[in-house]
């Protein structure tokens, strides 16, 4: 009920921190209908554009509220840098390969 203590607390937190802070949103980009993958430059630019538009909203705190392949610690990642990082991982991007690289 709207008068319950838990709902009042939720509303107070939402007012203080903004929508989505207490109940996180997930945005999933799916380009399969248009033959795109998230690894394409067009899809990457679309993700950055959407996130930048959301950051401009008065209810969004700042860029570091977002995380994904196109943002890190409050900064947007250029497509070329992301592609370079993926290629540096090589073909063995499985869990075991990543773990062995970290421990070596």
Protein backbone atom coordinates (compact mmCIF):
# COMPACT_ATOMS: atom_id res chain seq x y z
CA UNK A 1 0.00 0.00 0.00
CA UNK A 2 1.09 3.57 -0.65
CA UNK A 3 0.86 4.38 3.06
CA UNK A 4 3.15 1.53 4.15
CA UNK A 5 6.49 2.42 5.79
CA UNK A 6 8.45 0.62 3.07
CA UNK A 7 6.68 2.58 0.31
CA UNK A 8 7.22 5.86 2.14
CA UNK A 9 10.93 5.04 2.48
CA UNK A 10 11.17 4.08 -1.20
CA UNK A 11 9.49 7.36 -2.22
CA UNK A 12 11.82 9.40 0.01
CA UNK A 13 14.89 7.69 -1.46
CA UNK A 14 13.59 8.20 -4.99
CA UNK A 15 13.02 11.90 -4.31
CA UNK A 16 16.45 12.33 -2.77
CA UNK A 17 18.50 10.36 -5.31
CA UNK A 18 16.29 10.39 -8.41
CA UNK A 19 14.45 7.73 -10.40
CA UNK A 20 16.39 4.58 -11.11
CA UNK A 21 18.86 4.98 -8.26
CA UNK A 22 17.03 2.64 -5.92
CA UNK A 23 15.52 0.51 -8.69
CA UNK A 24 18.13 0.27 -11.40
CA UNK A 25 17.19 0.24 -15.04
CA UNK A 26 18.79 -1.98 -17.64
CA UNK A 27 18.88 -0.95 -21.26
CA UNK A 28 19.54 -3.74 -23.70
CA UNK A 29 20.63 -2.85 -27.21
CA UNK A 30 19.65 -5.45 -29.78
CA UNK A 31 20.41 -4.77 -33.42
CA UNK A 32 19.59 -8.20 -34.79
CA UNK A 33 16.47 -6.88 -36.52
CA UNK A 34 18.71 -4.57 -38.58
CA UNK A 35 21.66 -6.95 -38.95
CA UNK A 36 23.80 -5.06 -36.40
CA UNK A 37 25.82 -6.40 -33.50
CA UNK A 38 26.95 -4.50 -30.41
CA UNK A 39 30.49 -4.80 -31.74
CA UNK A 40 29.76 -2.60 -34.77
CA UNK A 41 30.76 1.04 -34.81
CA UNK A 42 27.18 2.15 -35.59
CA UNK A 43 25.79 0.24 -32.61
CA UNK A 44 28.56 1.57 -30.38
CA UNK A 45 27.81 5.15 -31.42
CA UNK A 46 24.10 4.55 -30.81
CA UNK A 47 24.83 3.33 -27.28
CA UNK A 48 26.96 6.40 -26.58
CA UNK A 49 24.28 8.71 -28.01
CA UNK A 50 21.53 7.18 -25.88
CA UNK A 51 23.63 7.35 -22.72
CA UNK A 52 24.65 10.95 -23.43
CA UNK A 53 20.98 11.89 -23.92
CA UNK A 54 20.06 10.22 -20.63
CA UNK A 55 22.86 12.06 -18.81
CA UNK A 56 21.35 15.35 -20.00
CA UNK A 57 18.04 14.60 -18.27
CA UNK A 58 17.49 16.44 -15.00
CA UNK A 59 16.64 13.16 -13.24
CA UNK A 60 19.95 11.50 -14.14
CA UNK A 61 22.84 12.14 -11.84
CA UNK A 62 25.93 11.84 -14.06
CA UNK A 63 27.74 9.62 -16.54
CA UNK A 64 29.24 7.41 -13.84
CA UNK A 65 25.69 6.24 -13.11
CA UNK A 66 26.01 4.12 -16.27
CA UNK A 67 28.15 1.09 -16.95
CA UNK A 68 28.60 -0.95 -20.09
CA UNK A 69 30.95 -1.54 -22.98
CA UNK A 70 30.85 2.12 -24.00
CA UNK A 71 31.39 3.75 -20.58
CA UNK A 72 33.84 3.21 -17.73
CA UNK A 73 34.18 5.17 -14.49
CA UNK A 74 32.20 8.11 -15.79
CA UNK A 75 33.95 8.38 -19.17
CA UNK A 76 32.84 7.31 -22.62
CA UNK A 77 35.12 4.85 -24.35
CA UNK A 78 35.91 5.54 -28.02
CA UNK A 79 35.02 2.72 -30.42
CA UNK A 80 38.64 2.34 -31.58
CA UNK A 81 39.85 1.90 -27.99
CA UNK A 82 37.19 -0.73 -27.30
CA UNK A 83 38.06 -2.60 -30.51
CA UNK A 84 41.76 -2.47 -29.66
CA UNK A 85 41.08 -3.89 -26.18
CA UNK A 86 39.00 -6.73 -27.64
CA UNK A 87 41.72 -7.60 -30.17
CA UNK A 88 44.40 -7.56 -27.46
CA UNK A 89 42.44 -10.27 -25.63
CA UNK A 90 42.86 -12.56 -28.62
CA UNK A 91 40.61 -15.47 -29.39
CA UNK A 92 40.89 -17.00 -25.91
CA UNK A 93 38.58 -14.64 -24.03
CA UNK A 94 37.11 -17.45 -21.92
CA UNK A 95 37.10 -17.37 -18.13
CA UNK A 96 40.15 -19.61 -17.79
CA UNK A 97 42.22 -17.54 -20.22
CA UNK A 98 41.29 -14.33 -18.44
CA UNK A 99 42.05 -15.81 -15.03
CA UNK A 100 45.46 -17.08 -16.15
CA UNK A 101 46.35 -13.68 -17.61
CA UNK A 102 45.42 -11.98 -14.33
CA UNK A 103 47.47 -14.34 -12.17
CA UNK A 104 50.56 -14.27 -14.41
